[in-house]
C-alpha atoms as a PDB file:
ATOM      1  CA  MET A   1      17.452 -13.661  10.277  1.00  0.00           C
ATOM      2  CA  GLU A   2      14.474 -15.881  11.078  1.00  0.00           C
ATOM      3  CA  TRP A   3      11.021 -15.085   9.698  1.00  0.00           C
ATOM      4  CA  THR A   4       7.544 -16.352  10.504  1.00  0.00           C
ATOM      5  CA  GLU A   5       5.184 -17.094   7.641  1.00  0.00           C
ATOM      6  CA  ILE A   6       1.535 -16.619   8.562  1.00  0.00           C
ATOM      7  CA  SER A   7      -0.867 -18.380   6.200  1.00  0.00           C
ATOM      8  CA  VAL A   8      -4.650 -18.130   6.258  1.00  0.00           C
ATOM      9  CA  LEU A   9      -6.340 -20.959   4.368  1.00  0.00           C
ATOM     10  CA  THR A  10      -9.538 -19.496   2.948  1.00  0.00           C
ATOM     11  CA  ASN A  11     -11.283 -18.846  -0.404  1.00  0.00           C
ATOM     12  CA  ASP A  12     -11.897 -16.085  -2.946  1.00  0.00           C
ATOM     13  CA  GLU A  13     -15.069 -14.913  -1.188  1.00  0.00           C
ATOM     14  CA  SER A  14     -13.167 -13.915   1.958  1.00  0.00           C
ATOM     15  CA  GLN A  15      -9.924 -12.837   0.273  1.00  0.00           C
ATOM     16  CA  ASP A  16     -10.240  -9.084   0.843  1.00  0.00           C
ATOM     17  CA  ALA A  17     -11.495  -9.483   4.405  1.00  0.00           C
ATOM     18  CA  VAL A  18      -8.596 -11.775   5.334  1.00  0.00           C
ATOM     19  CA  ILE A  19      -6.055  -9.410   3.779  1.00  0.00           C
ATOM     20  CA  ASN A  20      -7.564  -6.598   5.836  1.00  0.00           C
ATOM     21  CA  ILE A  21      -7.211  -8.665   9.018  1.00  0.00           C
ATOM     22  CA  LEU A  22      -3.546  -9.378   8.288  1.00  0.00           C
ATOM     23  CA  MET A  23      -2.908  -5.687   7.585  1.00  0.00           C
ATOM     24  CA  GLU A  24      -4.504  -4.733  10.898  1.00  0.00           C
ATOM     25  CA  PHE A  25      -2.064  -7.086  12.612  1.00  0.00           C
ATOM     26  CA  GLY A  26       0.914  -5.426  10.917  1.00  0.00           C
ATOM     27  CA  SER A  27       1.254  -7.072   7.506  1.00  0.00           C
ATOM     28  CA  LEU A  28       2.491  -4.760   4.770  1.00  0.00           C
ATOM     29  CA  GLY A  29       2.396  -7.275   1.945  1.00  0.00           C
ATOM     30  CA  VAL A  30       0.793 -10.597   1.065  1.00  0.00           C
ATOM     31  CA  GLU A  31       1.104 -13.301  -1.542  1.00  0.00           C
ATOM     32  CA  LEU A  32      -1.775 -15.369  -2.844  1.00  0.00           C
ATOM     33  CA  ASP A  33      -1.457 -19.081  -3.610  1.00  0.00           C
ATOM     34  CA  SER A  34      -4.468 -20.751  -5.249  1.00  0.00           C
ATOM     35  CA  ARG A  35      -4.085 -24.461  -4.542  1.00  0.00           C
ATOM     36  CA  ASP A  36      -5.289 -27.301  -6.757  1.00  0.00           C
ATOM     37  CA  ASP A  37      -7.902 -28.286  -4.138  1.00  0.00           C
ATOM     38  CA  GLY A  38      -9.587 -24.866  -4.430  1.00  0.00           C
ATOM     39  CA  VAL A  39      -8.157 -23.499  -1.193  1.00  0.00           C
ATOM     40  CA  LEU A  40      -6.677 -19.994  -1.313  1.00  0.00           C
ATOM     41  CA  SER A  41      -3.631 -19.555   0.908  1.00  0.00           C
ATOM     42  CA  ILE A  42      -2.975 -15.916   1.844  1.00  0.00           C
ATOM     43  CA  ASN A  43       0.575 -15.616   3.136  1.00  0.00           C
ATOM     44  CA  SER A  44       2.475 -12.848   4.883  1.00  0.00           C
ATOM     45  CA  TYR A  45       5.890 -12.627   6.549  1.00  0.00           C
ATOM     46  CA  PHE A  46       6.994 -11.152   9.850  1.00  0.00           C
ATOM     47  CA  PRO A  47      10.519 -10.760  11.328  1.00  0.00           C
ATOM     48  CA  GLU A  48      11.359 -12.686  14.478  1.00  0.00           C
ATOM     49  CA  ASP A  49      11.308  -9.564  16.681  1.00  0.00           C
ATOM     50  CA  PHE A  50       7.673  -8.847  15.688  1.00  0.00           C
ATOM     51  CA  ASP A  51       6.368 -11.704  17.895  1.00  0.00           C
ATOM     52  CA  ILE A  52       3.550 -12.461  15.486  1.00  0.00           C
ATOM     53  CA  LYS A  53       3.084 -15.969  16.902  1.00  0.00           C
ATOM     54  CA  SER A  54       1.578 -14.532  20.081  1.00  0.00           C
ATOM     55  CA  LYS A  55      -1.085 -12.860  17.918  1.00  0.00           C
ATOM     56  CA  VAL A  56      -2.133 -16.010  16.030  1.00  0.00           C
ATOM     57  CA  PRO A  57      -5.059 -16.824  18.388  1.00  0.00           C
ATOM     58  CA  ALA A  58      -6.423 -13.299  17.879  1.00  0.00           C
ATOM     59  CA  ILE A  59      -6.018 -13.592  14.090  1.00  0.00           C
ATOM     60  CA  GLN A  60      -7.827 -16.935  14.156  1.00  0.00           C
ATOM     61  CA  GLU A  61     -10.654 -15.391  16.188  1.00  0.00           C
ATOM     62  CA  ARG A  62     -11.055 -12.584  13.638  1.00  0.00           C
ATOM     63  CA  VAL A  63     -11.154 -15.089  10.771  1.00  0.00           C
ATOM     64  CA  ASP A  64     -13.787 -17.154  12.609  1.00  0.00           C
ATOM     65  CA  GLN A  65     -15.890 -13.999  13.093  1.00  0.00           C
ATOM     66  CA  LEU A  66     -16.198 -13.493   9.338  1.00  0.00           C
ATOM     67  CA  LYS A  67     -19.179 -15.863   9.436  1.00  0.00           C
ATOM     68  CA  GLU A  68     -21.007 -13.303  11.589  1.00  0.00           C
ATOM     69  CA  PHE A  69     -20.690 -10.811   8.713  1.00  0.00           C
ATOM     70  CA  GLY A  70     -22.187 -13.205   6.176  1.00  0.00           C
ATOM     71  CA  LEU A  71     -18.852 -14.338   4.728  1.00  0.00           C
ATOM     72  CA  ASN A  72     -17.833 -17.943   4.283  1.00  0.00           C
ATOM     73  CA  PRO A  73     -14.098 -18.181   5.108  1.00  0.00           C
ATOM     74  CA  GLY A  74     -13.880 -21.734   3.770  1.00  0.00           C
ATOM     75  CA  MET A  75     -11.317 -23.725   5.705  1.00  0.00           C
ATOM     76  CA  GLY A  76     -10.612 -20.587   7.733  1.00  0.00           C
ATOM     77  CA  LYS A  77      -7.445 -21.943   9.305  1.00  0.00           C
ATOM     78  CA  VAL A  78      -4.422 -19.873  10.409  1.00  0.00           C
ATOM     79  CA  ILE A  79      -1.059 -21.651  10.328  1.00  0.00           C
ATOM     80  CA  THR A  80       2.547 -20.576  10.837  1.00  0.00           C
ATOM     81  CA  LYS A  81       5.925 -21.695   9.524  1.00  0.00           C
ATOM     82  CA  ASP A  82       9.447 -20.603  10.453  1.00  0.00           C
ATOM     83  CA  LEU A  83      11.729 -19.520   7.609  1.00  0.00           C
ATOM     84  CA  ASN A  84      15.293 -18.282   7.362  1.00  0.00           C
ATOM     85  CA  ASP A  85      16.334 -15.646   4.811  1.00  0.00           C
ATOM     86  CA  ASP A  86      17.221 -18.153   2.103  1.00  0.00           C
ATOM     87  CA  LYS A  87      13.974 -20.078   2.496  1.00  0.00           C
ATOM     88  CA  TRP A  88      11.973 -16.836   2.510  1.00  0.00           C
ATOM     89  CA  ASN A  89      13.543 -15.728  -0.755  1.00  0.00           C
ATOM     90  CA  THR A  90      12.654 -19.054  -2.377  1.00  0.00           C
ATOM     91  CA  GLU A  91       9.030 -18.864  -1.214  1.00  0.00           C
ATOM     92  CA  TRP A  92       8.530 -15.188  -2.150  1.00  0.00           C
ATOM     93  CA  GLU A  93      10.090 -15.415  -5.607  1.00  0.00           C
ATOM     94  CA  LYS A  94       7.860 -18.392  -6.400  1.00  0.00           C
ATOM     95  CA  TYR A  95       4.737 -16.230  -6.330  1.00  0.00           C
ATOM     96  CA  TYR A  96       5.794 -12.652  -7.084  1.00  0.00           C
ATOM     97  CA  HIS A  97       6.059 -11.808 -10.791  1.00  0.00           C
ATOM     98  CA  ALA A  98       5.793  -8.723 -13.012  1.00  0.00           C
ATOM     99  CA  LYS A  99       2.267  -7.320 -13.317  1.00  0.00           C
ATOM    100  CA  ARG A 100       0.689  -4.479 -15.289  1.00  0.00           C
ATOM    101  CA  ILE A 101      -1.017  -2.244 -12.713  1.00  0.00           C
ATOM    102  CA  THR A 102      -2.360   0.697 -14.734  1.00  0.00           C
ATOM    103  CA  LYS A 103      -2.480   1.778 -18.366  1.00  0.00           C
ATOM    104  CA  PHE A 104       1.187   2.767 -18.255  1.00  0.00           C
ATOM    105  CA  LEU A 105       2.682   1.317 -15.053  1.00  0.00           C
ATOM    106  CA  THR A 106       4.041  -2.200 -14.581  1.00  0.00           C
ATOM    107  CA  ILE A 107       5.628  -3.463 -11.363  1.00  0.00           C
ATOM    108  CA  SER A 108       8.415  -6.008 -11.707  1.00  0.00           C
ATOM    109  CA  PRO A 109      10.429  -7.733  -8.951  1.00  0.00           C
ATOM    110  CA  VAL A 110      14.140  -7.104  -9.122  1.00  0.00           C
ATOM    111  CA  TRP A 111      14.875 -10.790  -9.774  1.00  0.00           C
ATOM    112  CA  GLU A 112      12.890 -10.831 -13.047  1.00  0.00           C
ATOM    113  CA  ASP A 113      14.410  -9.618 -16.300  1.00  0.00           C
ATOM    114  CA  TYR A 114      11.173  -8.056 -17.493  1.00  0.00           C
ATOM    115  CA  LYS A 115      10.940  -6.733 -21.057  1.00  0.00           C
ATOM    116  CA  LYS A 116       8.529  -3.892 -21.817  1.00  0.00           C
ATOM    117  CA  GLU A 117       5.581  -4.775 -24.028  1.00  0.00           C
ATOM    118  CA  SER A 118       5.231  -1.266 -25.481  1.00  0.00           C
ATOM    119  CA  ASP A 119       7.264   1.934 -25.745  1.00  0.00           C
ATOM    120  CA  ASP A 120       4.966   3.885 -23.422  1.00  0.00           C
ATOM    121  CA  GLU A 121       5.076   1.266 -20.654  1.00  0.00           C
ATOM    122  CA  LEU A 122       6.777   2.471 -17.448  1.00  0.00           C
ATOM    123  CA  VAL A 123       8.390  -0.209 -15.276  1.00  0.00           C
ATOM    124  CA  ILE A 124       8.807   0.069 -11.505  1.00  0.00           C
ATOM    125  CA  LYS A 125      11.465  -2.299 -10.208  1.00  0.00           C
ATOM    126  CA  LEU A 126      10.857  -3.470  -6.638  1.00  0.00           C
ATOM    127  CA  ASP A 127      12.676  -5.562  -4.082  1.00  0.00           C
ATOM    128  CA  PRO A 128       9.805  -6.081  -1.595  1.00  0.00           C
ATOM    129  CA  LYS A 129      12.094  -6.828   1.367  1.00  0.00           C
ATOM    130  CA  LYS A 130       9.970  -9.387   3.134  1.00  0.00           C
ATOM    131  CA  ALA A 131       7.091  -7.302   4.490  1.00  0.00           C
ATOM    132  CA  PHE A 132       6.971  -3.956   2.749  1.00  0.00           C
ATOM    133  CA  GLY A 133       4.695  -4.691  -0.119  1.00  0.00           C
ATOM    134  CA  THR A 134       4.819  -5.962  -3.666  1.00  0.00           C
ATOM    135  CA  GLY A 135       2.829  -3.064  -5.061  1.00  0.00           C
ATOM    136  CA  VAL A 136      -0.006  -5.289  -6.282  1.00  0.00           C
ATOM    137  CA  HIS A 137      -2.287  -5.023  -3.227  1.00  0.00           C
ATOM    138  CA  PRO A 138      -5.637  -3.380  -4.125  1.00  0.00           C
ATOM    139  CA  THR A 139      -4.885  -0.311  -1.977  1.00  0.00           C
ATOM    140  CA  THR A 140      -1.679   0.336  -3.913  1.00  0.00           C
ATOM    141  CA  VAL A 141      -3.349  -0.338  -7.249  1.00  0.00           C
ATOM    142  CA  LEU A 142      -6.064   2.214  -6.421  1.00  0.00           C
ATOM    143  CA  CYS A 143      -3.404   4.790  -5.531  1.00  0.00           C
ATOM    144  CA  LEU A 144      -1.379   4.224  -8.675  1.00  0.00           C
ATOM    145  CA  GLN A 145      -4.477   4.449 -10.847  1.00  0.00           C
ATOM    146  CA  ALA A 146      -5.419   7.758  -9.208  1.00  0.00           C
ATOM    147  CA  ILE A 147      -1.864   9.089  -9.548  1.00  0.00           C
ATOM    148  CA  GLU A 148      -1.818   8.257 -13.227  1.00  0.00           C
ATOM    149  CA  ASN A 149      -5.163  10.013 -13.713  1.00  0.00           C
ATOM    150  CA  ILE A 150      -4.376  13.311 -11.974  1.00  0.00           C
ATOM    151  CA  ILE A 151      -0.625  13.905 -12.001  1.00  0.00           C
ATOM    152  CA  ARG A 152       0.780  16.650 -14.188  1.00  0.00           C
ATOM    153  CA  GLU A 153       4.343  17.264 -15.323  1.00  0.00           C
ATOM    154  CA  GLY A 154       6.418  19.129 -12.741  1.00  0.00           C
ATOM    155  CA  GLN A 155       4.184  18.721  -9.691  1.00  0.00           C
ATOM    156  CA  SER A 156       5.455  18.354  -6.109  1.00  0.00           C
ATOM    157  CA  ILE A 157       4.514  15.402  -3.886  1.00  0.00           C
ATOM    158  CA  LEU A 158       4.484  14.284  -0.246  1.00  0.00           C
ATOM    159  CA  ASP A 159       4.147  10.488   0.092  1.00  0.00           C
ATOM    160  CA  ILE A 160       3.142   9.651   3.681  1.00  0.00           C
ATOM    161  CA  GLY A 161       3.433   6.041   4.856  1.00  0.00           C
ATOM    162  CA  THR A 162       5.555   5.243   1.827  1.00  0.00           C
ATOM    163  CA  GLY A 163       6.309   1.597   2.687  1.00  0.00           C
ATOM    164  CA  SER A 164       8.252   0.210  -0.285  1.00  0.00           C
ATOM    165  CA  GLY A 165       8.337   3.630  -2.003  1.00  0.00           C
ATOM    166  CA  VAL A 166       6.297   2.334  -4.936  1.00  0.00           C
ATOM    167  CA  LEU A 167       3.935   5.332  -5.142  1.00  0.00           C
ATOM    168  CA  SER A 168       6.796   7.829  -5.201  1.00  0.00           C
ATOM    169  CA  ILE A 169       8.613   5.871  -7.884  1.00  0.00           C
ATOM    170  CA  GLY A 170       5.448   5.648  -9.977  1.00  0.00           C
ATOM    171  CA  ALA A 171       4.838   9.393  -9.590  1.00  0.00           C
ATOM    172  CA  LYS A 172       8.376  10.185 -10.677  1.00  0.00           C
ATOM    173  CA  LEU A 173       8.055   7.995 -13.760  1.00  0.00           C
ATOM    174  CA  LEU A 174       4.813   9.839 -14.593  1.00  0.00           C
ATOM    175  CA  GLY A 175       6.484  13.240 -14.464  1.00  0.00           C
ATOM    176  CA  ALA A 176       6.497  14.546 -10.875  1.00  0.00           C
ATOM    177  CA  ALA A 177       9.309  17.019 -10.258  1.00  0.00           C
ATOM    178  CA  TYR A 178       9.861  16.975  -6.488  1.00  0.00           C
ATOM    179  CA  ILE A 179       8.976  14.169  -4.073  1.00  0.00           C
ATOM    180  CA  GLU A 180       9.482  13.611  -0.357  1.00  0.00           C
ATOM    181  CA  ALA A 181       8.521  10.179   1.001  1.00  0.00           C
ATOM    182  CA  TYR A 182       8.159   9.391   4.700  1.00  0.00           C
ATOM    183  CA  ASP A 183       7.431   6.398   6.918  1.00  0.00           C
ATOM    184  CA  TYR A 184       7.564   5.931  10.684  1.00  0.00           C
ATOM    185  CA  ASP A 185       9.035   2.416  10.435  1.00  0.00           C
ATOM    186  CA  ASP A 186      12.841   2.264  10.161  1.00  0.00           C
ATOM    187  CA  ASP A 187      12.784  -0.884   8.031  1.00  0.00           C
ATOM    188  CA  ALA A 188      10.254   0.683   5.647  1.00  0.00           C
ATOM    189  CA  VAL A 189      12.499   3.738   5.272  1.00  0.00           C
ATOM    190  CA  THR A 190      15.431   1.462   4.444  1.00  0.00           C
ATOM    191  CA  SER A 191      13.317  -0.508   1.954  1.00  0.00           C
ATOM    192  CA  ALA A 192      12.022   2.650   0.252  1.00  0.00           C
ATOM    193  CA  LYS A 193      15.531   4.085  -0.079  1.00  0.00           C
ATOM    194  CA  GLN A 194      16.760   0.866  -1.681  1.00  0.00           C
ATOM    195  CA  ASN A 195      13.854   0.740  -4.149  1.00  0.00           C
ATOM    196  CA  VAL A 196      14.250   4.419  -5.028  1.00  0.00           C
ATOM    197  CA  ALA A 197      17.938   3.775  -5.762  1.00  0.00           C
ATOM    198  CA  LEU A 198      17.073   0.631  -7.722  1.00  0.00           C
ATOM    199  CA  ASN A 199      14.989   2.794 -10.073  1.00  0.00           C
ATOM    200  CA  GLY A 200      17.684   5.486 -10.372  1.00  0.00           C
ATOM    201  CA  PHE A 201      15.854   8.205  -8.418  1.00  0.00           C
ATOM    202  CA  SER A 202      18.052   8.712  -5.357  1.00  0.00           C
ATOM    203  CA  GLU A 203      18.633  12.342  -6.347  1.00  0.00           C
ATOM    204  CA  ASP A 204      14.970  12.999  -7.127  1.00  0.00           C
ATOM    205  CA  ILE A 205      13.089  11.401  -4.224  1.00  0.00           C
ATOM    206  CA  LYS A 206      13.947  12.293  -0.635  1.00  0.00           C
ATOM    207  CA  VAL A 207      13.147   9.431   1.773  1.00  0.00           C
ATOM    208  CA  GLY A 208      13.054   9.931   5.533  1.00  0.00           C
ATOM    209  CA  LYS A 209      11.504   8.904   8.847  1.00  0.00           C
ATOM    210  CA  ASN A 210       8.516  10.836  10.126  1.00  0.00           C
ATOM    211  CA  SER A 211       5.181  10.381  11.866  1.00  0.00           C
ATOM    212  CA  LEU A 212       2.435  11.472   9.468  1.00  0.00           C
ATOM    213  CA  LEU A 213       2.993  15.185   8.639  1.00  0.00           C
ATOM    214  CA  ASP A 214       4.336  16.158  12.058  1.00  0.00           C
ATOM    215  CA  GLY A 215       6.849  19.005  11.725  1.00  0.00           C
ATOM    216  CA  ILE A 216       6.622  19.159   7.920  1.00  0.00           C
ATOM    217  CA  THR A 217       5.898  22.710   6.717  1.00  0.00           C
ATOM    218  CA  LYS A 218       6.484  22.292   2.987  1.00  0.00           C
ATOM    219  CA  LYS A 219       3.492  22.949   0.717  1.00  0.00           C
ATOM    220  CA  VAL A 220       3.017  20.647  -2.285  1.00  0.00           C
ATOM    221  CA  ASP A 221       0.583  19.950  -5.101  1.00  0.00           C
ATOM    222  CA  ILE A 222      -0.412  16.395  -4.076  1.00  0.00           C
ATOM    223  CA  ILE A 223      -0.259  14.261  -0.925  1.00  0.00           C
ATOM    224  CA  PHE A 224      -0.367  10.446  -1.088  1.00  0.00           C
ATOM    225  CA  ALA A 225      -1.644   8.493   1.937  1.00  0.00           C
ATOM    226  CA  ASN A 226      -1.937   4.735   1.503  1.00  0.00           C
ATOM    227  CA  MET A 227      -2.628   3.782   5.110  1.00  0.00           C
ATOM    228  CA  LEU A 228      -5.342   2.308   7.292  1.00  0.00           C
ATOM    229  CA  PRO A 229      -8.093   4.712   8.461  1.00  0.00           C
ATOM    230  CA  GLU A 230      -6.602   4.887  11.959  1.00  0.00           C
ATOM    231  CA  ALA A 231      -3.658   6.762  10.444  1.00  0.00           C
ATOM    232  CA  VAL A 232      -5.453   8.528   7.591  1.00  0.00           C
ATOM    233  CA  LEU A 233      -8.107  10.281   9.683  1.00  0.00           C
ATOM    234  CA  PRO A 234      -5.635  12.299  11.822  1.00  0.00           C
ATOM    235  CA  LEU A 235      -3.592  13.020   8.692  1.00  0.00           C
ATOM    236  CA  ILE A 236      -6.443  14.796   6.893  1.00  0.00           C
ATOM    237  CA  PRO A 237      -6.537  17.970   9.050  1.00  0.00           C
ATOM    238  CA  GLN A 238      -2.731  18.115   8.880  1.00  0.00           C
ATOM    239  CA  ALA A 239      -2.818  17.944   5.084  1.00  0.00           C
ATOM    240  CA  VAL A 240      -4.705  21.233   4.859  1.00  0.00           C
ATOM    241  CA  ASN A 241      -1.550  23.076   5.889  1.00  0.00           C
ATOM    242  CA  ASN A 242       0.700  21.179   3.479  1.00  0.00           C
ATOM    243  CA  LEU A 243      -1.197  21.652   0.222  1.00  0.00           C
ATOM    244  CA  ASN A 244      -1.033  24.506  -2.240  1.00  0.00           C
ATOM    245  CA  PRO A 245      -4.384  26.209  -3.022  1.00  0.00           C
ATOM    246  CA  GLY A 246      -6.583  23.638  -4.749  1.00  0.00           C
ATOM    247  CA  GLY A 247      -4.026  20.929  -3.922  1.00  0.00           C
ATOM    248  CA  GLN A 248      -5.084  17.284  -4.017  1.00  0.00           C
ATOM    249  CA  ILE A 249      -4.906  14.308  -1.690  1.00  0.00           C
ATOM    250  CA  ILE A 250      -5.014  10.658  -2.751  1.00  0.00           C
ATOM    251  CA  ILE A 251      -6.137   8.313   0.018  1.00  0.00           C
ATOM    252  CA  SER A 252      -6.257   4.534  -0.031  1.00  0.00           C
ATOM    253  CA  GLY A 253      -6.209   1.716   2.528  1.00  0.00           C
ATOM    254  CA  ILE A 254      -9.879   2.426   3.275  1.00  0.00           C
ATOM    255  CA  ILE A 255     -12.205  -0.530   3.796  1.00  0.00           C
ATOM    256  CA  LYS A 256     -15.823   0.012   2.712  1.00  0.00           C
ATOM    257  CA  GLU A 257     -17.041   0.260   6.291  1.00  0.00           C
ATOM    258  CA  LYS A 258     -14.755   3.273   6.887  1.00  0.00           C
ATOM    259  CA  LEU A 259     -15.587   5.129   3.658  1.00  0.00           C
ATOM    260  CA  ASP A 260     -18.334   7.340   5.107  1.00  0.00           C
ATOM    261  CA  ILE A 261     -16.283   8.564   8.069  1.00  0.00           C
ATOM    262  CA  THR A 262     -13.284   9.216   5.816  1.00  0.00           C
ATOM    263  CA  ASN A 263     -15.400  11.216   3.349  1.00  0.00           C
ATOM    264  CA  GLN A 264     -16.987  13.185   6.191  1.00  0.00           C
ATOM    265  CA  THR A 265     -13.580  13.966   7.715  1.00  0.00           C
ATOM    266  CA  LEU A 266     -12.434  15.285   4.337  1.00  0.00           C
ATOM    267  CA  LYS A 267     -15.524  17.490   3.992  1.00  0.00           C
ATOM    268  CA  ASP A 268     -15.153  18.758   7.566  1.00  0.00           C
ATOM    269  CA  ASN A 269     -11.635  19.912   6.672  1.00  0.00           C
ATOM    270  CA  ASP A 270     -12.651  21.855   3.565  1.00  0.00           C
ATOM    271  CA  PHE A 271     -11.888  19.161   1.000  1.00  0.00           C
ATOM    272  CA  VAL A 272     -14.038  18.518  -2.050  1.00  0.00           C
ATOM    273  CA  ILE A 273     -14.265  14.862  -3.037  1.00  0.00           C
ATOM    274  CA  ASP A 274     -13.443  14.367  -6.720  1.00  0.00           C
ATOM    275  CA  GLN A 275     -13.652  10.599  -7.080  1.00  0.00           C
ATOM    276  CA  VAL A 276     -14.168   7.421  -5.082  1.00  0.00           C
ATOM    277  CA  SER A 277     -12.901   4.181  -6.621  1.00  0.00           C
ATOM    278  CA  MET A 278     -13.387   0.639  -5.364  1.00  0.00           C
ATOM    279  CA  LEU A 279     -11.475  -2.592  -5.818  1.00  0.00           C
ATOM    280  CA  GLY A 280     -12.934  -5.506  -3.910  1.00  0.00           C
ATOM    281  CA  ASP A 281     -13.582  -4.331  -0.348  1.00  0.00           C
ATOM    282  CA  TRP A 282     -11.092  -1.460  -0.649  1.00  0.00           C
ATOM    283  CA  CYS A 283     -11.735   2.189  -1.477  1.00  0.00           C
ATOM    284  CA  GLY A 284      -9.551   4.944  -2.882  1.00  0.00           C
ATOM    285  CA  ILE A 285     -10.434   8.636  -2.625  1.00  0.00           C
ATOM    286  CA  THR A 286      -9.189  11.630  -4.584  1.00  0.00           C
ATOM    287  CA  ALA A 287     -10.090  15.058  -3.180  1.00  0.00           C
ATOM    288  CA  HIS A 288      -8.901  18.659  -3.451  1.00  0.00           C
ATOM    289  CA  LEU A 289      -8.819  21.654  -1.136  1.00  0.00           C
ATOM    290  CA  ARG A 290     -11.821  23.842  -1.736  1.00  0.00           C
ATOM    291  CA  ARG A 291     -10.934  26.838  -3.908  1.00  0.00           C
ATOM    292  CA  ASP A 292     -12.143  30.385  -3.271  1.00  0.00           C
ATOM    293  CA  ASP A 293     -14.482  30.208  -6.265  1.00  0.00           C
ATOM    294  CA  GLU A 294     -16.248  27.040  -5.043  1.00  0.00           C
END
């Protein structure tokens, strides 16, 4: 298969904004390459049937507009390169290495023979499959940190917009009992199933195709939603019917400009906000369904 590498040549100041732009155009994972000349290259990969090249002028326009928001994008240039599978693997493996994400969780690519640094370290093995995330993007980090903070042994989970399956795998390692993970993209479902199997959880984590919570009647203790606001906002009213009393929702993928509307949507649907965390320009929210005694 042929792939297109999209690279935005920018700097640290505009890093989060550029990543957000790429995500809005369909990227589900990026790699960062800090060059010797001080330029930061933010790279993402798209399959040939995605037709990302036709969107390059629009991506360039969005990068140019960063100046209007007081950001200096540096070089601010968008470039493309064609890659086959073998070339993609070489490029990706050059930049993607094991990384400690939370107090207990480390994410390691399948091609690295990573050795745990302590007995209580939990290692998630991932094969990112081109475009479905390395697990080190700020939105994923915020989710994993929240999961580690709130999860309790034996809880049940719905992971909506699972992508690579990293959140479900992390939750299982931290003690979750029952997990269902869903994504609307067929390739993401395939990627999540492979990563779940890679970590030995094929019997513990059910992976399937679904649009948000449509048609799902199961009630659980926690819902994960690491998606852009356009998908999260309609999910929130659905989540009310899928949570046990006092059940929690962990939301990420929220840029700072969308935090207020996301918080208000939660409150309008009888959620109580427990915590808001920030990493760069990204926000993560933990909330619970209002209890009768509140």
